[in-house]
């Protein structure tokens, strides 16, 4: 049986340790180690990932095409949050055909946005996109900003989405750290199979240390890492035999330890399912409906009241006079 060579004697292993910020307990020491990283190992990683992407990973996705607009990139990134590509594609096509610009969505009602969101899940994102469209029109003349810090001031736009829009729409050199990229880097650099919590500063530094200096190449590398995580370095069934990074992967060298995963809450019978069923029913009505009508969508009265209250609180539904419910917030202004 082949024995694992100690990490400090493997080619490139010292540089891998530096990328992860393991140079000591002092934060300044970790930053110094990152800044002293030799470029050869990082360049090798970039070369392997980009070569794999050119041969195997490039998918024909509408938001990756050369004629895509910054607004379309923004819409796609919001839709892709915690949602598979296969579910996003049809809704994205409807949205970008109906509202091809921030101005067109800003002129619609919040209820229109929620209705068009369909069953994509996490429907507050529809309101956030509507609010973001209004902010882009009101504050930036209808032009999607190109700076991550400015993008992050838009409603519903966090650090990841802001970085993704800046990188993919405007070819800015910025670390784009989504769930797939976090998993690839955690396994490759530290041997951790499933990163948890929100991204830490060390993860952003690790990715920034790997990014090519050329902004366009950096954006390509970010897309390639995402595809590697989505297609090969998956959460449940990683295809290590087809991965371009297997030979230097800390997780693979350690024998692919299982680690721990946070159990998912059951969906069937949950408040989330109740919310989805009630929203689906409300989409079918152009006018306010009574709780008796909604009882057919979700019979449990206690859970129905709780789900409706949460939908009203989120601005997805409003209560009209007479205790009747309709899509959208109580006023035309969703803010």
C-alpha atoms as a PDB file:
ATOM      1  CA  UNK A   1       0.000   0.000   0.000  1.00  0.00           C
ATOM      2  CA  UNK A   2       1.334   3.398  -0.923  1.00  0.00           C
ATOM      3  CA  UNK A   3       2.037   5.605   2.054  1.00  0.00           C
ATOM      4  CA  UNK A   4       1.136   9.258   1.966  1.00  0.00           C
ATOM      5  CA  UNK A   5       4.229  11.398   1.852  1.00  0.00           C
ATOM      6  CA  UNK A   6       4.328  14.014   4.638  1.00  0.00           C
ATOM      7  CA  UNK A   7       2.749  17.226   3.437  1.00  0.00           C
ATOM      8  CA  UNK A   8       5.855  19.340   3.924  1.00  0.00           C
ATOM      9  CA  UNK A   9       7.867  17.167   1.509  1.00  0.00           C
ATOM     10  CA  UNK A  10       5.345  16.992  -1.323  1.00  0.00           C
ATOM     11  CA  UNK A  11       6.000  19.179  -4.365  1.00  0.00           C
ATOM     12  CA  UNK A  12       4.017  22.350  -3.990  1.00  0.00           C
ATOM     13  CA  UNK A  13       2.669  21.353  -0.571  1.00  0.00           C
ATOM     14  CA  UNK A  14       4.398  24.192   1.243  1.00  0.00           C
ATOM     15  CA  UNK A  15       2.821  26.661  -1.126  1.00  0.00           C
ATOM     16  CA  UNK A  16      -0.562  25.043  -0.569  1.00  0.00           C
ATOM     17  CA  UNK A  17      -0.132  25.533   3.172  1.00  0.00           C
ATOM     18  CA  UNK A  18       0.719  29.173   2.573  1.00  0.00           C
ATOM     19  CA  UNK A  19      -2.411  29.697   0.510  1.00  0.00           C
ATOM     20  CA  UNK A  20      -4.584  28.401   3.326  1.00  0.00           C
ATOM     21  CA  UNK A  21      -3.078  30.842   5.780  1.00  0.00           C
ATOM     22  CA  UNK A  22      -1.516  28.221   8.055  1.00  0.00           C
ATOM     23  CA  UNK A  23       1.719  30.085   8.701  1.00  0.00           C
ATOM     24  CA  UNK A  24       1.008  30.633  12.385  1.00  0.00           C
ATOM     25  CA  UNK A  25      -1.472  32.108  14.808  1.00  0.00           C
ATOM     26  CA  UNK A  26      -0.589  35.722  14.117  1.00  0.00           C
ATOM     27  CA  UNK A  27      -2.981  37.189  11.489  1.00  0.00           C
ATOM     28  CA  UNK A  28      -0.217  39.408  10.143  1.00  0.00           C
ATOM     29  CA  UNK A  29       1.927  36.322   9.689  1.00  0.00           C
ATOM     30  CA  UNK A  30      -0.838  34.653   7.701  1.00  0.00           C
ATOM     31  CA  UNK A  31      -1.155  37.668   5.425  1.00  0.00           C
ATOM     32  CA  UNK A  32       2.597  37.788   4.991  1.00  0.00           C
ATOM     33  CA  UNK A  33       2.662  34.108   4.077  1.00  0.00           C
ATOM     34  CA  UNK A  34      -0.028  34.658   1.487  1.00  0.00           C
ATOM     35  CA  UNK A  35       1.812  37.574  -0.038  1.00  0.00           C
ATOM     36  CA  UNK A  36       5.037  35.545  -0.216  1.00  0.00           C
ATOM     37  CA  UNK A  37       3.391  32.693  -2.134  1.00  0.00           C
ATOM     38  CA  UNK A  38       5.463  31.715  -5.152  1.00  0.00           C
ATOM     39  CA  UNK A  39       3.548  31.960  -8.399  1.00  0.00           C
ATOM     40  CA  UNK A  40       4.525  28.583  -9.872  1.00  0.00           C
ATOM     41  CA  UNK A  41       2.056  26.411  -7.882  1.00  0.00           C
ATOM     42  CA  UNK A  42      -0.771  28.913  -8.339  1.00  0.00           C
ATOM     43  CA  UNK A  43      -0.075  29.110 -12.057  1.00  0.00           C
ATOM     44  CA  UNK A  44      -0.135  25.321 -12.271  1.00  0.00           C
ATOM     45  CA  UNK A  45      -3.557  25.212 -10.614  1.00  0.00           C
ATOM     46  CA  UNK A  46      -4.896  27.900 -12.954  1.00  0.00           C
ATOM     47  CA  UNK A  47      -3.495  26.132 -16.014  1.00  0.00           C
ATOM     48  CA  UNK A  48      -4.995  22.769 -15.067  1.00  0.00           C
ATOM     49  CA  UNK A  49      -8.413  24.163 -14.224  1.00  0.00           C
ATOM     50  CA  UNK A  50      -8.646  26.300 -17.363  1.00  0.00           C
ATOM     51  CA  UNK A  51      -7.448  23.427 -19.565  1.00  0.00           C
ATOM     52  CA  UNK A  52     -10.101  21.153 -18.058  1.00  0.00           C
ATOM     53  CA  UNK A  53     -12.752  23.842 -18.533  1.00  0.00           C
ATOM     54  CA  UNK A  54     -11.916  24.324 -22.211  1.00  0.00           C
ATOM     55  CA  UNK A  55     -12.143  20.573 -22.873  1.00  0.00           C
ATOM     56  CA  UNK A  56     -14.939  19.420 -20.588  1.00  0.00           C
ATOM     57  CA  UNK A  57     -16.552  22.095 -18.459  1.00  0.00           C
ATOM     58  CA  UNK A  58     -17.892  24.756 -20.784  1.00  0.00           C
ATOM     59  CA  UNK A  59     -21.712  24.685 -20.752  1.00  0.00           C
ATOM     60  CA  UNK A  60     -23.835  26.716 -23.132  1.00  0.00           C
ATOM     61  CA  UNK A  61     -25.601  28.820 -20.517  1.00  0.00           C
ATOM     62  CA  UNK A  62     -27.322  32.042 -21.631  1.00  0.00           C
ATOM     63  CA  UNK A  63     -25.647  34.185 -18.961  1.00  0.00           C
ATOM     64  CA  UNK A  64     -22.211  33.010 -20.157  1.00  0.00           C
ATOM     65  CA  UNK A  65     -22.634  34.129 -23.756  1.00  0.00           C
ATOM     66  CA  UNK A  66     -20.635  37.002 -25.184  1.00  0.00           C
ATOM     67  CA  UNK A  67     -23.677  39.202 -25.824  1.00  0.00           C
ATOM     68  CA  UNK A  68     -25.036  38.988 -22.266  1.00  0.00           C
ATOM     69  CA  UNK A  69     -25.740  42.312 -20.549  1.00  0.00           C
ATOM     70  CA  UNK A  70     -24.762  43.273 -16.989  1.00  0.00           C
ATOM     71  CA  UNK A  71     -28.455  43.273 -16.060  1.00  0.00           C
ATOM     72  CA  UNK A  72     -28.869  39.721 -17.339  1.00  0.00           C
ATOM     73  CA  UNK A  73     -25.813  38.633 -15.352  1.00  0.00           C
ATOM     74  CA  UNK A  74     -27.313  40.211 -12.233  1.00  0.00           C
ATOM     75  CA  UNK A  75     -30.657  38.465 -12.792  1.00  0.00           C
ATOM     76  CA  UNK A  76     -28.958  35.109 -13.340  1.00  0.00           C
ATOM     77  CA  UNK A  77     -26.789  35.388 -10.235  1.00  0.00           C
ATOM     78  CA  UNK A  78     -29.750  36.197  -7.994  1.00  0.00           C
ATOM     79  CA  UNK A  79     -31.725  33.302  -9.462  1.00  0.00           C
ATOM     80  CA  UNK A  80     -28.824  30.876  -9.076  1.00  0.00           C
ATOM     81  CA  UNK A  81     -28.542  31.436  -5.335  1.00  0.00           C
ATOM     82  CA  UNK A  82     -29.214  28.008  -3.759  1.00  0.00           C
ATOM     83  CA  UNK A  83     -31.026  26.943  -6.940  1.00  0.00           C
ATOM     84  CA  UNK A  84     -29.920  24.394  -9.586  1.00  0.00           C
ATOM     85  CA  UNK A  85     -29.207  25.598 -13.109  1.00  0.00           C
ATOM     86  CA  UNK A  86     -31.894  23.317 -14.563  1.00  0.00           C
ATOM     87  CA  UNK A  87     -34.589  25.096 -12.550  1.00  0.00           C
ATOM     88  CA  UNK A  88     -33.234  28.560 -13.287  1.00  0.00           C
ATOM     89  CA  UNK A  89     -33.061  28.274 -17.084  1.00  0.00           C
ATOM     90  CA  UNK A  90     -36.804  28.485 -17.925  1.00  0.00           C
ATOM     91  CA  UNK A  91     -37.531  31.240 -15.392  1.00  0.00           C
ATOM     92  CA  UNK A  92     -34.479  33.215 -16.517  1.00  0.00           C
ATOM     93  CA  UNK A  93     -35.688  33.022 -20.125  1.00  0.00           C
ATOM     94  CA  UNK A  94     -39.120  34.358 -19.151  1.00  0.00           C
ATOM     95  CA  UNK A  95     -37.725  37.159 -17.002  1.00  0.00           C
ATOM     96  CA  UNK A  96     -35.123  38.425 -19.444  1.00  0.00           C
ATOM     97  CA  UNK A  97     -37.630  38.354 -22.315  1.00  0.00           C
ATOM     98  CA  UNK A  98     -40.253  40.206 -20.299  1.00  0.00           C
ATOM     99  CA  UNK A  99     -37.893  42.561 -18.445  1.00  0.00           C
ATOM    100  CA  UNK A 100     -34.696  42.889 -20.503  1.00  0.00           C
ATOM    101  CA  UNK A 101     -33.546  46.021 -18.657  1.00  0.00           C
ATOM    102  CA  UNK A 102     -33.715  47.417 -15.121  1.00  0.00           C
ATOM    103  CA  UNK A 103     -36.102  50.074 -16.422  1.00  0.00           C
ATOM    104  CA  UNK A 104     -38.609  47.492 -17.653  1.00  0.00           C
ATOM    105  CA  UNK A 105     -38.687  45.600 -14.354  1.00  0.00           C
ATOM    106  CA  UNK A 106     -38.825  48.820 -12.334  1.00  0.00           C
ATOM    107  CA  UNK A 107     -41.977  49.782 -14.253  1.00  0.00           C
ATOM    108  CA  UNK A 108     -43.688  46.518 -13.292  1.00  0.00           C
ATOM    109  CA  UNK A 109     -45.422  45.873  -9.981  1.00  0.00           C
ATOM    110  CA  UNK A 110     -43.934  43.779  -7.173  1.00  0.00           C
ATOM    111  CA  UNK A 111     -46.848  41.364  -7.627  1.00  0.00           C
ATOM    112  CA  UNK A 112     -45.857  40.911 -11.288  1.00  0.00           C
ATOM    113  CA  UNK A 113     -42.339  39.974 -10.186  1.00  0.00           C
ATOM    114  CA  UNK A 114     -43.530  37.480  -7.578  1.00  0.00           C
ATOM    115  CA  UNK A 115     -45.997  35.906 -10.017  1.00  0.00           C
ATOM    116  CA  UNK A 116     -43.343  35.505 -12.717  1.00  0.00           C
ATOM    117  CA  UNK A 117     -40.960  33.931 -10.201  1.00  0.00           C
ATOM    118  CA  UNK A 118     -43.146  30.831 -10.272  1.00  0.00           C
ATOM    119  CA  UNK A 119     -41.856  27.878  -8.252  1.00  0.00           C
ATOM    120  CA  UNK A 120     -38.190  28.829  -8.377  1.00  0.00           C
ATOM    121  CA  UNK A 121     -38.049  28.974  -4.584  1.00  0.00           C
ATOM    122  CA  UNK A 122     -36.969  31.640  -2.088  1.00  0.00           C
ATOM    123  CA  UNK A 123     -39.424  34.112  -3.675  1.00  0.00           C
ATOM    124  CA  UNK A 124     -38.141  37.098  -1.726  1.00  0.00           C
ATOM    125  CA  UNK A 125     -35.473  37.184  -4.408  1.00  0.00           C
ATOM    126  CA  UNK A 126     -38.151  38.369  -6.844  1.00  0.00           C
ATOM    127  CA  UNK A 127     -38.858  41.369  -4.620  1.00  0.00           C
ATOM    128  CA  UNK A 128     -35.142  42.025  -4.185  1.00  0.00           C
ATOM    129  CA  UNK A 129     -34.632  42.066  -7.953  1.00  0.00           C
ATOM    130  CA  UNK A 130     -37.573  44.433  -8.334  1.00  0.00           C
ATOM    131  CA  UNK A 131     -36.165  46.716  -5.631  1.00  0.00           C
ATOM    132  CA  UNK A 132     -32.673  46.481  -7.158  1.00  0.00           C
ATOM    133  CA  UNK A 133     -34.080  47.464 -10.565  1.00  0.00           C
ATOM    134  CA  UNK A 134     -35.704  50.542  -9.047  1.00  0.00           C
ATOM    135  CA  UNK A 135     -32.498  51.468  -7.247  1.00  0.00           C
ATOM    136  CA  UNK A 136     -30.466  51.079 -10.446  1.00  0.00           C
ATOM    137  CA  UNK A 137     -32.890  53.348 -12.294  1.00  0.00           C
ATOM    138  CA  UNK A 138     -33.170  55.930  -9.515  1.00  0.00           C
ATOM    139  CA  UNK A 139     -29.532  56.044  -8.422  1.00  0.00           C
ATOM    140  CA  UNK A 140     -27.533  55.034 -11.487  1.00  0.00           C
ATOM    141  CA  UNK A 141     -29.625  56.082 -14.475  1.00  0.00           C
ATOM    142  CA  UNK A 142     -30.495  52.506 -15.385  1.00  0.00           C
ATOM    143  CA  UNK A 143     -26.850  51.386 -15.633  1.00  0.00           C
ATOM    144  CA  UNK A 144     -25.824  48.413 -13.491  1.00  0.00           C
ATOM    145  CA  UNK A 145     -22.807  49.530 -11.393  1.00  0.00           C
ATOM    146  CA  UNK A 146     -19.448  47.905 -12.058  1.00  0.00           C
ATOM    147  CA  UNK A 147     -17.828  48.217  -8.611  1.00  0.00           C
ATOM    148  CA  UNK A 148     -18.424  45.379  -6.117  1.00  0.00           C
ATOM    149  CA  UNK A 149     -18.753  47.796  -3.211  1.00  0.00           C
ATOM    150  CA  UNK A 150     -21.429  49.797  -5.010  1.00  0.00           C
ATOM    151  CA  UNK A 151     -23.255  46.701  -6.238  1.00  0.00           C
ATOM    152  CA  UNK A 152     -23.421  45.439  -2.655  1.00  0.00           C
ATOM    153  CA  UNK A 153     -25.519  48.481  -1.702  1.00  0.00           C
ATOM    154  CA  UNK A 154     -28.374  47.285  -3.927  1.00  0.00           C
ATOM    155  CA  UNK A 155     -31.283  45.476  -2.220  1.00  0.00           C
ATOM    156  CA  UNK A 156     -30.663  41.742  -1.877  1.00  0.00           C
ATOM    157  CA  UNK A 157     -27.145  41.900  -3.322  1.00  0.00           C
ATOM    158  CA  UNK A 158     -24.512  40.395  -1.049  1.00  0.00           C
ATOM    159  CA  UNK A 159     -20.761  40.122  -1.363  1.00  0.00           C
ATOM    160  CA  UNK A 160     -20.813  37.064  -3.619  1.00  0.00           C
ATOM    161  CA  UNK A 161     -23.392  38.404  -6.089  1.00  0.00           C
ATOM    162  CA  UNK A 162     -21.663  41.787  -6.232  1.00  0.00           C
ATOM    163  CA  UNK A 163     -18.340  40.108  -7.003  1.00  0.00           C
ATOM    164  CA  UNK A 164     -19.898  37.831  -9.624  1.00  0.00           C
ATOM    165  CA  UNK A 165     -21.505  40.720 -11.510  1.00  0.00           C
ATOM    166  CA  UNK A 166     -18.301  42.760 -11.399  1.00  0.00           C
ATOM    167  CA  UNK A 167     -16.230  39.816 -12.639  1.00  0.00           C
ATOM    168  CA  UNK A 168     -18.520  38.302 -15.259  1.00  0.00           C
ATOM    169  CA  UNK A 169     -20.237  41.427 -16.606  1.00  0.00           C
ATOM    170  CA  UNK A 170     -17.330  43.873 -16.348  1.00  0.00           C
ATOM    171  CA  UNK A 171     -14.277  41.540 -16.213  1.00  0.00           C
ATOM    172  CA  UNK A 172     -13.049  42.937 -12.908  1.00  0.00           C
ATOM    173  CA  UNK A 173     -10.356  40.990 -11.058  1.00  0.00           C
ATOM    174  CA  UNK A 174     -12.246  40.016  -7.912  1.00  0.00           C
ATOM    175  CA  UNK A 175     -12.575  36.785  -5.936  1.00  0.00           C
ATOM    176  CA  UNK A 176     -15.940  35.144  -6.701  1.00  0.00           C
ATOM    177  CA  UNK A 177     -16.562  32.694  -3.873  1.00  0.00           C
ATOM    178  CA  UNK A 178     -19.746  30.670  -4.283  1.00  0.00           C
ATOM    179  CA  UNK A 179     -20.655  27.336  -2.673  1.00  0.00           C
ATOM    180  CA  UNK A 180     -19.016  25.292  -5.422  1.00  0.00           C
ATOM    181  CA  UNK A 181     -15.780  27.273  -5.330  1.00  0.00           C
ATOM    182  CA  UNK A 182     -15.661  27.072  -1.523  1.00  0.00           C
ATOM    183  CA  UNK A 183     -15.954  23.282  -1.702  1.00  0.00           C
ATOM    184  CA  UNK A 184     -13.211  22.936  -4.330  1.00  0.00           C
ATOM    185  CA  UNK A 185     -10.812  25.154  -2.394  1.00  0.00           C
ATOM    186  CA  UNK A 186     -11.600  23.581   0.981  1.00  0.00           C
ATOM    187  CA  UNK A 187     -10.934  20.078  -0.312  1.00  0.00           C
ATOM    188  CA  UNK A 188      -7.914  20.991  -2.395  1.00  0.00           C
ATOM    189  CA  UNK A 189      -6.169  23.240   0.111  1.00  0.00           C
ATOM    190  CA  UNK A 190      -7.199  22.029   3.561  1.00  0.00           C
ATOM    191  CA  UNK A 191      -8.775  18.589   3.152  1.00  0.00           C
ATOM    192  CA  UNK A 192     -12.104  19.775   4.565  1.00  0.00           C
ATOM    193  CA  UNK A 193     -14.887  18.056   2.570  1.00  0.00           C
ATOM    194  CA  UNK A 194     -17.759  20.419   3.351  1.00  0.00           C
ATOM    195  CA  UNK A 195     -17.087  24.055   4.338  1.00  0.00           C
ATOM    196  CA  UNK A 196     -19.711  25.433   6.680  1.00  0.00           C
ATOM    197  CA  UNK A 197     -20.988  28.831   7.721  1.00  0.00           C
ATOM    198  CA  UNK A 198     -20.368  32.021   5.803  1.00  0.00           C
ATOM    199  CA  UNK A 199     -17.131  32.487   3.840  1.00  0.00           C
ATOM    200  CA  UNK A 200     -14.255  33.633   6.026  1.00  0.00           C
ATOM    201  CA  UNK A 201     -11.661  36.256   5.187  1.00  0.00           C
ATOM    202  CA  UNK A 202      -9.029  33.526   4.846  1.00  0.00           C
ATOM    203  CA  UNK A 203     -11.067  31.886   2.083  1.00  0.00           C
ATOM    204  CA  UNK A 204     -11.221  35.132   0.136  1.00  0.00           C
ATOM    205  CA  UNK A 205      -7.467  35.590   0.565  1.00  0.00           C
ATOM    206  CA  UNK A 206      -6.834  32.033  -0.606  1.00  0.00           C
ATOM    207  CA  UNK A 207      -8.855  32.549  -3.769  1.00  0.00           C
ATOM    208  CA  UNK A 208      -7.324  35.963  -4.405  1.00  0.00           C
ATOM    209  CA  UNK A 209      -3.854  34.400  -4.155  1.00  0.00           C
ATOM    210  CA  UNK A 210      -4.815  31.956  -6.911  1.00  0.00           C
ATOM    211  CA  UNK A 211      -6.442  34.493  -9.251  1.00  0.00           C
ATOM    212  CA  UNK A 212      -4.426  35.393 -12.342  1.00  0.00           C
ATOM    213  CA  UNK A 213      -3.302  39.009 -12.465  1.00  0.00           C
ATOM    214  CA  UNK A 214      -5.012  39.524 -15.808  1.00  0.00           C
ATOM    215  CA  UNK A 215      -8.636  40.455 -15.077  1.00  0.00           C
ATOM    216  CA  UNK A 216     -10.145  38.637 -18.057  1.00  0.00           C
ATOM    217  CA  UNK A 217      -8.216  35.461 -17.280  1.00  0.00           C
ATOM    218  CA  UNK A 218      -9.210  35.804 -13.612  1.00  0.00           C
ATOM    219  CA  UNK A 219     -12.893  35.912 -14.593  1.00  0.00           C
ATOM    220  CA  UNK A 220     -12.442  32.829 -16.783  1.00  0.00           C
ATOM    221  CA  UNK A 221     -10.740  31.031 -13.902  1.00  0.00           C
ATOM    222  CA  UNK A 222     -13.608  31.901 -11.558  1.00  0.00           C
ATOM    223  CA  UNK A 223     -16.151  30.451 -13.992  1.00  0.00           C
ATOM    224  CA  UNK A 224     -13.993  27.356 -14.463  1.00  0.00           C
ATOM    225  CA  UNK A 225     -13.737  26.787 -10.696  1.00  0.00           C
ATOM    226  CA  UNK A 226     -17.511  27.082 -10.387  1.00  0.00           C
ATOM    227  CA  UNK A 227     -18.010  24.514 -13.134  1.00  0.00           C
ATOM    228  CA  UNK A 228     -15.439  22.200 -11.567  1.00  0.00           C
ATOM    229  CA  UNK A 229     -17.393  22.286  -8.316  1.00  0.00           C
ATOM    230  CA  UNK A 230     -20.755  21.903 -10.048  1.00  0.00           C
ATOM    231  CA  UNK A 231     -19.790  19.052 -12.380  1.00  0.00           C
ATOM    232  CA  UNK A 232     -16.840  17.196 -10.794  1.00  0.00           C
ATOM    233  CA  UNK A 233     -16.118  18.191  -7.189  1.00  0.00           C
ATOM    234  CA  UNK A 234     -19.740  17.792  -6.202  1.00  0.00           C
ATOM    235  CA  UNK A 235     -21.052  17.616  -2.679  1.00  0.00           C
ATOM    236  CA  UNK A 236     -22.329  14.031  -2.717  1.00  0.00           C
ATOM    237  CA  UNK A 237     -20.650  12.185  -5.606  1.00  0.00           C
ATOM    238  CA  UNK A 238     -17.290  13.785  -6.439  1.00  0.00           C
ATOM    239  CA  UNK A 239     -15.626  12.499  -9.599  1.00  0.00           C
ATOM    240  CA  UNK A 240     -12.038  12.606  -8.390  1.00  0.00           C
ATOM    241  CA  UNK A 241     -10.825  10.385 -11.240  1.00  0.00           C
ATOM    242  CA  UNK A 242     -11.825  13.133 -13.695  1.00  0.00           C
ATOM    243  CA  UNK A 243     -10.611  16.105 -11.648  1.00  0.00           C
ATOM    244  CA  UNK A 244      -7.564  18.054 -12.886  1.00  0.00           C
ATOM    245  CA  UNK A 245      -6.502  18.793  -9.284  1.00  0.00           C
ATOM    246  CA  UNK A 246      -6.649  15.278  -7.835  1.00  0.00           C
ATOM    247  CA  UNK A 247      -2.892  14.693  -7.616  1.00  0.00           C
ATOM    248  CA  UNK A 248      -2.392  17.745  -5.377  1.00  0.00           C
ATOM    249  CA  UNK A 249      -5.731  17.629  -3.532  1.00  0.00           C
ATOM    250  CA  UNK A 250      -5.361  17.475   0.260  1.00  0.00           C
ATOM    251  CA  UNK A 251      -8.742  15.784   0.675  1.00  0.00           C
ATOM    252  CA  UNK A 252      -7.999  13.095  -1.902  1.00  0.00           C
ATOM    253  CA  UNK A 253      -4.542  12.441  -0.430  1.00  0.00           C
ATOM    254  CA  UNK A 254      -6.111  11.991   2.995  1.00  0.00           C
ATOM    255  CA  UNK A 255      -8.399   9.262   1.667  1.00  0.00           C
ATOM    256  CA  UNK A 256     -11.469  11.452   1.174  1.00  0.00           C
ATOM    257  CA  UNK A 257     -12.639  11.562   4.818  1.00  0.00           C
ATOM    258  CA  UNK A 258     -16.396  11.969   5.115  1.00  0.00           C
ATOM    259  CA  UNK A 259     -16.451  14.866   7.551  1.00  0.00           C
ATOM    260  CA  UNK A 260     -19.752  16.083   8.926  1.00  0.00           C
ATOM    261  CA  UNK A 261     -22.743  17.530   7.120  1.00  0.00           C
ATOM    262  CA  UNK A 262     -25.558  19.584   8.542  1.00  0.00           C
ATOM    263  CA  UNK A 263     -28.775  17.549   8.152  1.00  0.00           C
ATOM    264  CA  UNK A 264     -31.433  19.136   5.989  1.00  0.00           C
ATOM    265  CA  UNK A 265     -34.772  19.900   7.551  1.00  0.00           C
ATOM    266  CA  UNK A 266     -37.557  17.857   5.917  1.00  0.00           C
ATOM    267  CA  UNK A 267     -39.531  19.777   3.307  1.00  0.00           C
ATOM    268  CA  UNK A 268     -42.748  17.752   3.346  1.00  0.00           C
ATOM    269  CA  UNK A 269     -45.204  19.261   5.786  1.00  0.00           C
ATOM    270  CA  UNK A 270     -42.927  22.200   6.563  1.00  0.00           C
ATOM    271  CA  UNK A 271     -43.875  25.870   6.764  1.00  0.00           C
ATOM    272  CA  UNK A 272     -41.772  26.367   3.654  1.00  0.00           C
ATOM    273  CA  UNK A 273     -43.962  23.911   1.747  1.00  0.00           C
ATOM    274  CA  UNK A 274     -47.066  25.654   3.077  1.00  0.00           C
ATOM    275  CA  UNK A 275     -45.732  29.023   1.921  1.00  0.00           C
ATOM    276  CA  UNK A 276     -45.025  27.635  -1.536  1.00  0.00           C
ATOM    277  CA  UNK A 277     -48.477  26.105  -1.852  1.00  0.00           C
ATOM    278  CA  UNK A 278     -50.194  29.324  -0.788  1.00  0.00           C
ATOM    279  CA  UNK A 279     -48.107  31.434  -3.163  1.00  0.00           C
ATOM    280  CA  UNK A 280     -48.884  29.036  -6.011  1.00  0.00           C
ATOM    281  CA  UNK A 281     -52.599  29.400  -5.274  1.00  0.00           C
ATOM    282  CA  UNK A 282     -52.413  33.194  -5.099  1.00  0.00           C
ATOM    283  CA  UNK A 283     -50.639  33.343  -8.463  1.00  0.00           C
ATOM    284  CA  UNK A 284     -53.769  31.902 -10.045  1.00  0.00           C
ATOM    285  CA  UNK A 285     -55.963  34.779  -8.862  1.00  0.00           C
ATOM    286  CA  UNK A 286     -55.804  38.322 -10.311  1.00  0.00           C
ATOM    287  CA  UNK A 287     -57.866  39.566  -7.362  1.00  0.00           C
ATOM    288  CA  UNK A 288     -57.782  39.169  -3.550  1.00  0.00           C
ATOM    289  CA  UNK A 289     -59.033  35.815  -2.281  1.00  0.00           C
ATOM    290  CA  UNK A 290     -60.471  34.619   1.017  1.00  0.00           C
ATOM    291  CA  UNK A 291     -58.885  32.240   3.477  1.00  0.00           C
ATOM    292  CA  UNK A 292     -61.596  29.740   2.521  1.00  0.00           C
ATOM    293  CA  UNK A 293     -60.228  29.702  -1.027  1.00  0.00           C
ATOM    294  CA  UNK A 294     -56.700  29.257   0.320  1.00  0.00           C
ATOM    295  CA  UNK A 295     -57.814  26.379   2.533  1.00  0.00           C
ATOM    296  CA  UNK A 296     -57.901  24.210  -0.562  1.00  0.00           C
ATOM    297  CA  UNK A 297     -54.205  24.930  -1.082  1.00  0.00           C
ATOM    298  CA  UNK A 298     -53.250  24.204   2.545  1.00  0.00           C
ATOM    299  CA  UNK A 299     -55.932  22.683   4.798  1.00  0.00           C
ATOM    300  CA  UNK A 300     -54.170  22.962   8.179  1.00  0.00           C
ATOM    301  CA  UNK A 301     -55.607  26.240   9.575  1.00  0.00           C
ATOM    302  CA  UNK A 302     -52.891  26.853  12.178  1.00  0.00           C
ATOM    303  CA  UNK A 303     -50.028  26.329   9.753  1.00  0.00           C
ATOM    304  CA  UNK A 304     -51.883  28.251   7.031  1.00  0.00           C
ATOM    305  CA  UNK A 305     -52.264  31.289   9.300  1.00  0.00           C
ATOM    306  CA  UNK A 306     -48.610  31.085  10.288  1.00  0.00           C
ATOM    307  CA  UNK A 307     -47.456  30.765   6.674  1.00  0.00           C
ATOM    308  CA  UNK A 308     -49.661  33.659   5.535  1.00  0.00           C
ATOM    309  CA  UNK A 309     -48.364  35.849   8.355  1.00  0.00           C
ATOM    310  CA  UNK A 310     -44.773  35.149   7.308  1.00  0.00           C
ATOM    311  CA  UNK A 311     -45.576  35.871   3.653  1.00  0.00           C
ATOM    312  CA  UNK A 312     -47.144  39.195   4.640  1.00  0.00           C
ATOM    313  CA  UNK A 313     -44.121  39.986   6.816  1.00  0.00           C
ATOM    314  CA  UNK A 314     -41.798  39.300   3.870  1.00  0.00           C
ATOM    315  CA  UNK A 315     -43.818  41.576   1.571  1.00  0.00           C
ATOM    316  CA  UNK A 316     -44.726  38.721  -0.764  1.00  0.00           C
ATOM    317  CA  UNK A 317     -48.424  38.865   0.116  1.00  0.00           C
ATOM    318  CA  UNK A 318     -50.710  41.580   1.469  1.00  0.00           C
ATOM    319  CA  UNK A 319     -53.979  41.399   3.363  1.00  0.00           C
ATOM    320  CA  UNK A 320     -56.734  43.358   1.622  1.00  0.00           C
ATOM    321  CA  UNK A 321     -59.889  44.685   3.320  1.00  0.00           C
ATOM    322  CA  UNK A 322     -62.167  41.920   4.550  1.00  0.00           C
ATOM    323  CA  UNK A 323     -59.296  39.584   5.396  1.00  0.00           C
ATOM    324  CA  UNK A 324     -58.619  38.682   1.779  1.00  0.00           C
ATOM    325  CA  UNK A 325     -55.109  38.043   0.453  1.00  0.00           C
ATOM    326  CA  UNK A 326     -53.288  38.989  -2.736  1.00  0.00           C
ATOM    327  CA  UNK A 327     -49.784  38.827  -4.170  1.00  0.00           C
ATOM    328  CA  UNK A 328     -47.381  41.664  -3.525  1.00  0.00           C
ATOM    329  CA  UNK A 329     -46.939  44.173  -0.713  1.00  0.00           C
ATOM    330  CA  UNK A 330     -49.724  46.395   0.541  1.00  0.00           C
ATOM    331  CA  UNK A 331     -48.671  49.332  -1.663  1.00  0.00           C
ATOM    332  CA  UNK A 332     -47.140  49.678  -5.084  1.00  0.00           C
ATOM    333  CA  UNK A 333     -43.835  50.430  -3.338  1.00  0.00           C
ATOM    334  CA  UNK A 334     -42.105  47.210  -2.304  1.00  0.00           C
ATOM    335  CA  UNK A 335     -39.512  48.927  -0.211  1.00  0.00           C
END
